[in-house]
Amino acid sequence: LLVIAGLLERKHGSGTYIKEKDVHHENASLKGF
């Protein structure tokens, strides 16, 4: 399911790796979107 969502990818003979993270932001002050 996470491969289909584009977050993980399988590499043959190597394993599964994190391809992307969900949209993310870090907020330390007031800002617009």
PDB file of all heavy atoms in Angstrom:
ATOM      1  N   LEU A   1       0.827  -1.206   0.000  1.00  0.00           N
ATOM      2  CA  LEU A   1       0.000   0.000   0.000  1.00  0.00           C
ATOM      3  C   LEU A   1       0.861   1.256   0.000  1.00  0.00           C
ATOM      4  O   LEU A   1       0.532   2.246  -0.671  1.00  0.00           O
ATOM      5  CB  LEU A   1      -0.923   0.010   1.223  1.00  0.00           C
ATOM      6  CG  LEU A   1      -2.047  -1.021   1.255  1.00  0.00           C
ATOM      7  CD1 LEU A   1      -2.859  -0.879   2.540  1.00  0.00           C
ATOM      8  CD2 LEU A   1      -2.972  -0.872   0.046  1.00  0.00           C
ATOM      9  N   LEU A   2       1.974   1.222   0.732  1.00  0.00           N
ATOM     10  CA  LEU A   2       2.843   2.390   0.799  1.00  0.00           C
ATOM     11  C   LEU A   2       3.710   2.521  -0.452  1.00  0.00           C
ATOM     12  O   LEU A   2       4.124   3.626  -0.805  1.00  0.00           O
ATOM     13  CB  LEU A   2       3.710   2.323   2.057  1.00  0.00           C
ATOM     14  CG  LEU A   2       2.922   2.297   3.378  1.00  0.00           C
ATOM     15  CD1 LEU A   2       3.869   2.290   4.568  1.00  0.00           C
ATOM     16  CD2 LEU A   2       1.974   3.484   3.472  1.00  0.00           C
ATOM     17  N   VAL A   3       3.972   1.421  -1.107  1.00  0.00           N
ATOM     18  CA  VAL A   3       4.661   1.473  -2.406  1.00  0.00           C
ATOM     19  C   VAL A   3       3.740   2.125  -3.429  1.00  0.00           C
ATOM     20  O   VAL A   3       4.154   3.002  -4.203  1.00  0.00           O
ATOM     21  CB  VAL A   3       5.087   0.066  -2.868  1.00  0.00           C
ATOM     22  CG1 VAL A   3       5.578   0.104  -4.322  1.00  0.00           C
ATOM     23  CG2 VAL A   3       6.180  -0.492  -1.943  1.00  0.00           C
ATOM     24  N   ILE A   4       2.482   1.702  -3.444  1.00  0.00           N
ATOM     25  CA  ILE A   4       1.496   2.281  -4.364  1.00  0.00           C
ATOM     26  C   ILE A   4       1.328   3.769  -4.088  1.00  0.00           C
ATOM     27  O   ILE A   4       1.175   4.580  -5.016  1.00  0.00           O
ATOM     28  CB  ILE A   4       0.143   1.553  -4.223  1.00  0.00           C
ATOM     29  CG1 ILE A   4       0.265   0.109  -4.725  1.00  0.00           C
ATOM     30  CG2 ILE A   4      -0.957   2.279  -5.004  1.00  0.00           C
ATOM     31  CD1 ILE A   4      -0.943  -0.755  -4.423  1.00  0.00           C
ATOM     32  N   ALA A   5       1.385   4.165  -2.795  1.00  0.00           N
ATOM     33  CA  ALA A   5       1.240   5.577  -2.424  1.00  0.00           C
ATOM     34  C   ALA A   5       2.472   6.397  -2.785  1.00  0.00           C
ATOM     35  O   ALA A   5       2.446   7.626  -2.699  1.00  0.00           O
ATOM     36  CB  ALA A   5       0.964   5.693  -0.933  1.00  0.00           C
ATOM     37  N   GLY A   6       3.556   5.731  -3.197  1.00  0.00           N
ATOM     38  CA  GLY A   6       4.765   6.437  -3.610  1.00  0.00           C
ATOM     39  C   GLY A   6       5.720   6.764  -2.481  1.00  0.00           C
ATOM     40  O   GLY A   6       6.702   7.484  -2.687  1.00  0.00           O
ATOM     41  N   LEU A   7       5.460   6.231  -1.277  1.00  0.00           N
ATOM     42  CA  LEU A   7       6.314   6.536  -0.129  1.00  0.00           C
ATOM     43  C   LEU A   7       7.483   5.567   0.003  1.00  0.00           C
ATOM     44  O   LEU A   7       8.526   5.926   0.546  1.00  0.00           O
ATOM     45  CB  LEU A   7       5.487   6.529   1.157  1.00  0.00           C
ATOM     46  CG  LEU A   7       4.324   7.520   1.218  1.00  0.00           C
ATOM     47  CD1 LEU A   7       3.582   7.388   2.535  1.00  0.00           C
ATOM     48  CD2 LEU A   7       4.821   8.944   1.039  1.00  0.00           C
ATOM     49  N   LEU A   8       7.299   4.348  -0.479  1.00  0.00           N
ATOM     50  CA  LEU A   8       8.337   3.331  -0.410  1.00  0.00           C
ATOM     51  C   LEU A   8       8.656   2.808  -1.801  1.00  0.00           C
ATOM     52  O   LEU A   8       7.820   2.893  -2.709  1.00  0.00           O
ATOM     53  CB  LEU A   8       7.900   2.158   0.479  1.00  0.00           C
ATOM     54  CG  LEU A   8       7.595   2.455   1.952  1.00  0.00           C
ATOM     55  CD1 LEU A   8       7.084   1.186   2.640  1.00  0.00           C
ATOM     56  CD2 LEU A   8       8.807   3.001   2.669  1.00  0.00           C
ATOM     57  N   GLU A   9       9.852   2.277  -1.966  1.00  0.00           N
ATOM     58  CA  GLU A   9      10.209   1.606  -3.224  1.00  0.00           C
ATOM     59  C   GLU A   9      11.023   0.362  -2.905  1.00  0.00           C
ATOM     60  O   GLU A   9      11.836   0.340  -1.981  1.00  0.00           O
ATOM     61  CB  GLU A   9      10.987   2.537  -4.152  1.00  0.00           C
ATOM     62  CG  GLU A   9      12.340   2.982  -3.626  1.00  0.00           C
ATOM     63  CD  GLU A   9      13.103   3.807  -4.642  1.00  0.00           C
ATOM     64  OE1 GLU A   9      12.771   3.721  -5.844  1.00  0.00           O
ATOM     65  OE2 GLU A   9      14.021   4.549  -4.241  1.00  0.00           O
ATOM     66  N   ARG A  10      10.745  -0.680  -3.658  1.00  0.00           N
ATOM     67  CA  ARG A  10      11.491  -1.927  -3.499  1.00  0.00           C
ATOM     68  C   ARG A  10      12.630  -1.963  -4.506  1.00  0.00           C
ATOM     69  O   ARG A  10      12.455  -1.616  -5.672  1.00  0.00           O
ATOM     70  CB  ARG A  10      10.560  -3.119  -3.722  1.00  0.00           C
ATOM     71  CG  ARG A  10       9.567  -3.362  -2.590  1.00  0.00           C
ATOM     72  CD  ARG A  10       8.885  -4.712  -2.773  1.00  0.00           C
ATOM     73  NE  ARG A  10       8.027  -5.071  -1.639  1.00  0.00           N
ATOM     74  CZ  ARG A  10       6.727  -4.830  -1.592  1.00  0.00           C
ATOM     75  NH1 ARG A  10       6.136  -4.233  -2.620  1.00  0.00           N
ATOM     76  NH2 ARG A  10       6.024  -5.188  -0.539  1.00  0.00           N
ATOM     77  N   LYS A  11      13.803  -2.378  -4.035  1.00  0.00           N
ATOM     78  CA  LYS A  11      14.962  -2.535  -4.906  1.00  0.00           C
ATOM     79  C   LYS A  11      15.320  -4.015  -4.900  1.00  0.00           C
ATOM     80  O   LYS A  11      15.634  -4.582  -3.841  1.00  0.00           O
ATOM     81  CB  LYS A  11      16.131  -1.685  -4.417  1.00  0.00           C
ATOM     82  CG  LYS A  11      15.851  -0.190  -4.488  1.00  0.00           C
ATOM     83  CD  LYS A  11      17.064   0.638  -4.055  1.00  0.00           C
ATOM     84  CE  LYS A  11      16.767   2.122  -4.155  1.00  0.00           C
ATOM     85  NZ  LYS A  11      17.924   2.951  -3.730  1.00  0.00           N
ATOM     86  N   HIS A  12      15.256  -4.632  -6.077  1.00  0.00           N
ATOM     87  CA  HIS A  12      15.440  -6.076  -6.200  1.00  0.00           C
ATOM     88  C   HIS A  12      16.784  -6.493  -5.608  1.00  0.00           C
ATOM     89  O   HIS A  12      17.844  -5.956  -5.948  1.00  0.00           O
ATOM     90  CB  HIS A  12      15.372  -6.485  -7.676  1.00  0.00           C
ATOM     91  CG  HIS A  12      15.466  -7.963  -7.878  1.00  0.00           C
ATOM     92  ND1 HIS A  12      14.475  -8.834  -7.477  1.00  0.00           N
ATOM     93  CD2 HIS A  12      16.463  -8.728  -8.413  1.00  0.00           C
ATOM     94  CE1 HIS A  12      14.835 -10.067  -7.771  1.00  0.00           C
ATOM     95  NE2 HIS A  12      16.037 -10.021  -8.338  1.00  0.00           N
ATOM     96  N   GLY A  13      16.714  -7.454  -4.706  1.00  0.00           N
ATOM     97  CA  GLY A  13      17.917  -7.993  -4.104  1.00  0.00           C
ATOM     98  C   GLY A  13      18.516  -7.122  -3.016  1.00  0.00           C
ATOM     99  O   GLY A  13      19.559  -7.470  -2.447  1.00  0.00           O
ATOM    100  N   SER A  14      17.874  -6.002  -2.720  1.00  0.00           N
ATOM    101  CA  SER A  14      18.439  -5.081  -1.732  1.00  0.00           C
ATOM    102  C   SER A  14      17.505  -4.847  -0.558  1.00  0.00           C
ATOM    103  O   SER A  14      17.908  -4.879   0.601  1.00  0.00           O
ATOM    104  CB  SER A  14      18.780  -3.744  -2.395  1.00  0.00           C
ATOM    105  OG  SER A  14      19.253  -2.809  -1.450  1.00  0.00           O
ATOM    106  N   GLY A  15      16.216  -4.590  -0.850  1.00  0.00           N
ATOM    107  CA  GLY A  15      15.266  -4.327   0.222  1.00  0.00           C
ATOM    108  C   GLY A  15      14.280  -3.235  -0.154  1.00  0.00           C
ATOM    109  O   GLY A  15      14.124  -2.892  -1.326  1.00  0.00           O
ATOM    110  N   THR A  16      13.617  -2.690   0.834  1.00  0.00           N
ATOM    111  CA  THR A  16      12.628  -1.637   0.628  1.00  0.00           C
ATOM    112  C   THR A  16      13.134  -0.357   1.275  1.00  0.00           C
ATOM    113  O   THR A  16      13.620  -0.381   2.415  1.00  0.00           O
ATOM    114  CB  THR A  16      11.274  -2.041   1.256  1.00  0.00           C
ATOM    115  OG1 THR A  16      10.857  -3.292   0.688  1.00  0.00           O
ATOM    116  CG2 THR A  16      10.217  -0.979   0.972  1.00  0.00           C
ATOM    117  N   TYR A  17      12.999   0.741   0.544  1.00  0.00           N
ATOM    118  CA  TYR A  17      13.577   2.007   0.996  1.00  0.00           C
ATOM    119  C   TYR A  17      12.520   3.117   0.995  1.00  0.00           C
ATOM    120  O   TYR A  17      11.537   3.062   0.258  1.00  0.00           O
ATOM    121  CB  TYR A  17      14.748   2.413   0.088  1.00  0.00           C
ATOM    122  CG  TYR A  17      15.924   1.470   0.182  1.00  0.00           C
ATOM    123  CD1 TYR A  17      15.935   0.278  -0.543  1.00  0.00           C
ATOM    124  CD2 TYR A  17      17.005   1.754   1.012  1.00  0.00           C
ATOM    125  CE1 TYR A  17      17.011  -0.605  -0.456  1.00  0.00           C
ATOM    126  CE2 TYR A  17      18.084   0.879   1.104  1.00  0.00           C
ATOM    127  CZ  TYR A  17      18.083  -0.293   0.379  1.00  0.00           C
ATOM    128  OH  TYR A  17      19.123  -1.157   0.475  1.00  0.00           O
ATOM    129  N   ILE A  18      12.777   4.118   1.836  1.00  0.00           N
ATOM    130  CA  ILE A  18      11.875   5.268   1.891  1.00  0.00           C
ATOM    131  C   ILE A  18      12.148   6.157   0.685  1.00  0.00           C
ATOM    132  O   ILE A  18      13.256   6.676   0.509  1.00  0.00           O
ATOM    133  CB  ILE A  18      12.063   6.052   3.211  1.00  0.00           C
ATOM    134  CG1 ILE A  18      11.725   5.153   4.402  1.00  0.00           C
ATOM    135  CG2 ILE A  18      11.195   7.307   3.217  1.00  0.00           C
ATOM    136  CD1 ILE A  18      12.039   5.762   5.751  1.00  0.00           C
ATOM    137  N   LYS A  19      11.136   6.309  -0.141  1.00  0.00           N
ATOM    138  CA  LYS A  19      11.263   7.086  -1.378  1.00  0.00           C
ATOM    139  C   LYS A  19      10.835   8.528  -1.170  1.00  0.00           C
ATOM    140  O   LYS A  19      11.464   9.461  -1.678  1.00  0.00           O
ATOM    141  CB  LYS A  19      10.415   6.438  -2.474  1.00  0.00           C
ATOM    142  CG  LYS A  19      10.481   7.136  -3.826  1.00  0.00           C
ATOM    143  CD  LYS A  19       9.603   6.413  -4.841  1.00  0.00           C
ATOM    144  CE  LYS A  19       9.656   7.104  -6.204  1.00  0.00           C
ATOM    145  NZ  LYS A  19       8.755   6.419  -7.171  1.00  0.00           N
ATOM    146  N   GLU A  20       9.747   8.723  -0.453  1.00  0.00           N
ATOM    147  CA  GLU A  20       9.225  10.065  -0.181  1.00  0.00           C
ATOM    148  C   GLU A  20       8.604  10.075   1.205  1.00  0.00           C
ATOM    149  O   GLU A  20       8.275   9.026   1.766  1.00  0.00           O
ATOM    150  CB  GLU A  20       8.155  10.456  -1.206  1.00  0.00           C
ATOM    151  CG  GLU A  20       8.649  10.643  -2.624  1.00  0.00           C
ATOM    152  CD  GLU A  20       9.450  11.907  -2.829  1.00  0.00           C
ATOM    153  OE1 GLU A  20       9.403  12.785  -1.929  1.00  0.00           O
ATOM    154  OE2 GLU A  20      10.119  12.032  -3.862  1.00  0.00           O
ATOM    155  N   LYS A  21       8.439  11.272   1.734  1.00  0.00           N
ATOM    156  CA  LYS A  21       7.646  11.450   2.940  1.00  0.00           C
ATOM    157  C   LYS A  21       6.400  12.228   2.559  1.00  0.00           C
ATOM    158  O   LYS A  21       6.351  12.878   1.512  1.00  0.00           O
ATOM    159  CB  LYS A  21       8.434  12.199   4.011  1.00  0.00           C
ATOM    160  CG  LYS A  21       9.555  11.372   4.650  1.00  0.00           C
ATOM    161  CD  LYS A  21      10.019  12.035   5.935  1.00  0.00           C
ATOM    162  CE  LYS A  21      11.008  11.152   6.673  1.00  0.00           C
ATOM    163  NZ  LYS A  21      11.271  11.638   8.050  1.00  0.00           N
ATOM    164  N   ASP A  22       5.387  12.138   3.413  1.00  0.00           N
ATOM    165  CA  ASP A  22       4.193  12.928   3.166  1.00  0.00           C
ATOM    166  C   ASP A  22       4.532  14.407   3.282  1.00  0.00           C
ATOM    167  O   ASP A  22       5.562  14.782   3.859  1.00  0.00           O
ATOM    168  CB  ASP A  22       3.098  12.581   4.178  1.00  0.00           C
ATOM    169  CG  ASP A  22       2.463  11.226   3.892  1.00  0.00           C
ATOM    170  OD1 ASP A  22       2.163  10.959   2.719  1.00  0.00           O
ATOM    171  OD2 ASP A  22       2.275  10.436   4.833  1.00  0.00           O
ATOM    172  N   VAL A  23       3.655  15.242   2.728  1.00  0.00           N
ATOM    173  CA  VAL A  23       3.848  16.684   2.805  1.00  0.00           C
ATOM    174  C   VAL A  23       4.042  17.068   4.260  1.00  0.00           C
ATOM    175  O   VAL A  23       3.266  16.700   5.140  1.00  0.00           O
ATOM    176  CB  VAL A  23       2.634  17.426   2.210  1.00  0.00           C
ATOM    177  CG1 VAL A  23       2.791  18.929   2.377  1.00  0.00           C
ATOM    178  CG2 VAL A  23       2.486  17.072   0.745  1.00  0.00           C
ATOM    179  N   HIS A  24       5.082  17.842   4.529  1.00  0.00           N
ATOM    180  CA  HIS A  24       5.505  18.075   5.904  1.00  0.00           C
ATOM    181  C   HIS A  24       6.014  19.497   6.035  1.00  0.00           C
ATOM    182  O   HIS A  24       6.655  20.032   5.147  1.00  0.00           O
ATOM    183  CB  HIS A  24       6.630  17.070   6.219  1.00  0.00           C
ATOM    184  CG  HIS A  24       7.378  17.356   7.489  1.00  0.00           C
ATOM    185  ND1 HIS A  24       8.389  18.280   7.569  1.00  0.00           N
ATOM    186  CD2 HIS A  24       7.265  16.828   8.733  1.00  0.00           C
ATOM    187  CE1 HIS A  24       8.864  18.309   8.789  1.00  0.00           C
ATOM    188  NE2 HIS A  24       8.203  17.440   9.509  1.00  0.00           N
ATOM    189  N   HIS A  25       5.685  20.157   7.131  1.00  0.00           N
ATOM    190  CA  HIS A  25       6.368  21.409   7.435  1.00  0.00           C
ATOM    191  C   HIS A  25       6.588  21.546   8.921  1.00  0.00           C
ATOM    192  O   HIS A  25       5.866  20.979   9.729  1.00  0.00           O
ATOM    193  CB  HIS A  25       5.620  22.624   6.848  1.00  0.00           C
ATOM    194  CG  HIS A  25       4.389  23.026   7.578  1.00  0.00           C
ATOM    195  ND1 HIS A  25       3.125  22.849   7.069  1.00  0.00           N
ATOM    196  CD2 HIS A  25       4.211  23.626   8.791  1.00  0.00           C
ATOM    197  CE1 HIS A  25       2.228  23.321   7.911  1.00  0.00           C
ATOM    198  NE2 HIS A  25       2.847  23.794   8.966  1.00  0.00           N
ATOM    199  N   GLU A  26       7.626  22.304   9.249  1.00  0.00           N
ATOM    200  CA  GLU A  26       7.962  22.565  10.641  1.00  0.00           C
ATOM    201  C   GLU A  26       7.645  24.017  10.936  1.00  0.00           C
ATOM    202  O   GLU A  26       8.049  24.913  10.200  1.00  0.00           O
ATOM    203  CB  GLU A  26       9.450  22.288  10.889  1.00  0.00           C
ATOM    204  CG  GLU A  26       9.856  22.473  12.346  1.00  0.00           C
ATOM    205  CD  GLU A  26      11.303  22.084  12.575  1.00  0.00           C
ATOM    206  OE1 GLU A  26      11.827  21.291  11.791  1.00  0.00           O
ATOM    207  OE2 GLU A  26      11.890  22.613  13.532  1.00  0.00           O
ATOM    208  N   ASN A  27       6.934  24.260  12.015  1.00  0.00           N
ATOM    209  CA  ASN A  27       6.439  25.593  12.302  1.00  0.00           C
ATOM    210  C   ASN A  27       7.008  26.114  13.609  1.00  0.00           C
ATOM    211  O   ASN A  27       6.807  25.524  14.654  1.00  0.00           O
ATOM    212  CB  ASN A  27       4.908  25.572  12.382  1.00  0.00           C
ATOM    213  CG  ASN A  27       4.309  26.933  12.123  1.00  0.00           C
ATOM    214  OD1 ASN A  27       4.986  27.845  11.698  1.00  0.00           O
ATOM    215  ND2 ASN A  27       3.024  27.056  12.386  1.00  0.00           N
ATOM    216  N   ALA A  28       7.717  27.251  13.528  1.00  0.00           N
ATOM    217  CA  ALA A  28       8.253  27.866  14.732  1.00  0.00           C
ATOM    218  C   ALA A  28       7.699  29.265  14.936  1.00  0.00           C
ATOM    219  O   ALA A  28       7.935  29.893  15.947  1.00  0.00           O
ATOM    220  CB  ALA A  28       9.777  27.923  14.650  1.00  0.00           C
ATOM    221  N   SER A  29       6.955  29.773  13.942  1.00  0.00           N
ATOM    222  CA  SER A  29       6.360  31.097  14.031  1.00  0.00           C
ATOM    223  C   SER A  29       5.116  31.132  13.162  1.00  0.00           C
ATOM    224  O   SER A  29       4.875  30.220  12.372  1.00  0.00           O
ATOM    225  CB  SER A  29       7.361  32.168  13.581  1.00  0.00           C
ATOM    226  OG  SER A  29       7.742  31.956  12.229  1.00  0.00           O
ATOM    227  N   LEU A  30       4.328  32.204  13.309  1.00  0.00           N
ATOM    228  CA  LEU A  30       3.090  32.315  12.560  1.00  0.00           C
ATOM    229  C   LEU A  30       3.372  32.595  11.091  1.00  0.00           C
ATOM    230  O   LEU A  30       3.961  33.608  10.744  1.00  0.00           O
ATOM    231  CB  LEU A  30       2.218  33.432  13.150  1.00  0.00           C
ATOM    232  CG  LEU A  30       0.884  33.688  12.434  1.00  0.00           C
ATOM    233  CD1 LEU A  30       0.004  32.450  12.502  1.00  0.00           C
ATOM    234  CD2 LEU A  30       0.168  34.883  13.048  1.00  0.00           C
ATOM    235  N   LYS A  31       2.938  31.685  10.229  1.00  0.00           N
ATOM    236  CA  LYS A  31       3.085  31.851   8.787  1.00  0.00           C
ATOM    237  C   LYS A  31       1.851  31.318   8.093  1.00  0.00           C
ATOM    238  O   LYS A  31       1.176  30.431   8.600  1.00  0.00           O
ATOM    239  CB  LYS A  31       4.325  31.096   8.264  1.00  0.00           C
ATOM    240  CG  LYS A  31       5.655  31.647   8.744  1.00  0.00           C
ATOM    241  CD  LYS A  31       6.807  30.868   8.152  1.00  0.00           C
ATOM    242  CE  LYS A  31       8.140  31.414   8.617  1.00  0.00           C
ATOM    243  NZ  LYS A  31       9.281  30.646   8.053  1.00  0.00           N
ATOM    244  N   GLY A  32       1.572  31.867   6.903  1.00  0.00           N
ATOM    245  CA  GLY A  32       0.487  31.353   6.095  1.00  0.00           C
ATOM    246  C   GLY A  32       0.898  30.072   5.402  1.00  0.00           C
ATOM    247  O   GLY A  32       2.080  29.731   5.318  1.00  0.00           O
ATOM    248  N   PHE A  33      -0.096  29.357   4.876  1.00  0.00           N
ATOM    249  CA  PHE A  33       0.154  28.073   4.225  1.00  0.00           C
ATOM    250  C   PHE A  33       1.111  28.215   3.046  1.00  0.00           C
ATOM    251  O   PHE A  33       2.038  27.421   2.891  1.00  0.00           O
ATOM    252  CB  PHE A  33      -1.181  27.499   3.758  1.00  0.00           C
ATOM    253  CG  PHE A  33      -1.094  26.123   3.163  1.00  0.00           C
ATOM    254  CD1 PHE A  33      -0.861  25.022   3.963  1.00  0.00           C
ATOM    255  CD2 PHE A  33      -1.244  25.933   1.801  1.00  0.00           C
ATOM    256  CE1 PHE A  33      -0.783  23.748   3.420  1.00  0.00           C
ATOM    257  CE2 PHE A  33      -1.174  24.674   1.242  1.00  0.00           C
ATOM    258  CZ  PHE A  33      -0.940  23.574   2.054  1.00  0.00           C
TER     259      PHE A  33
END
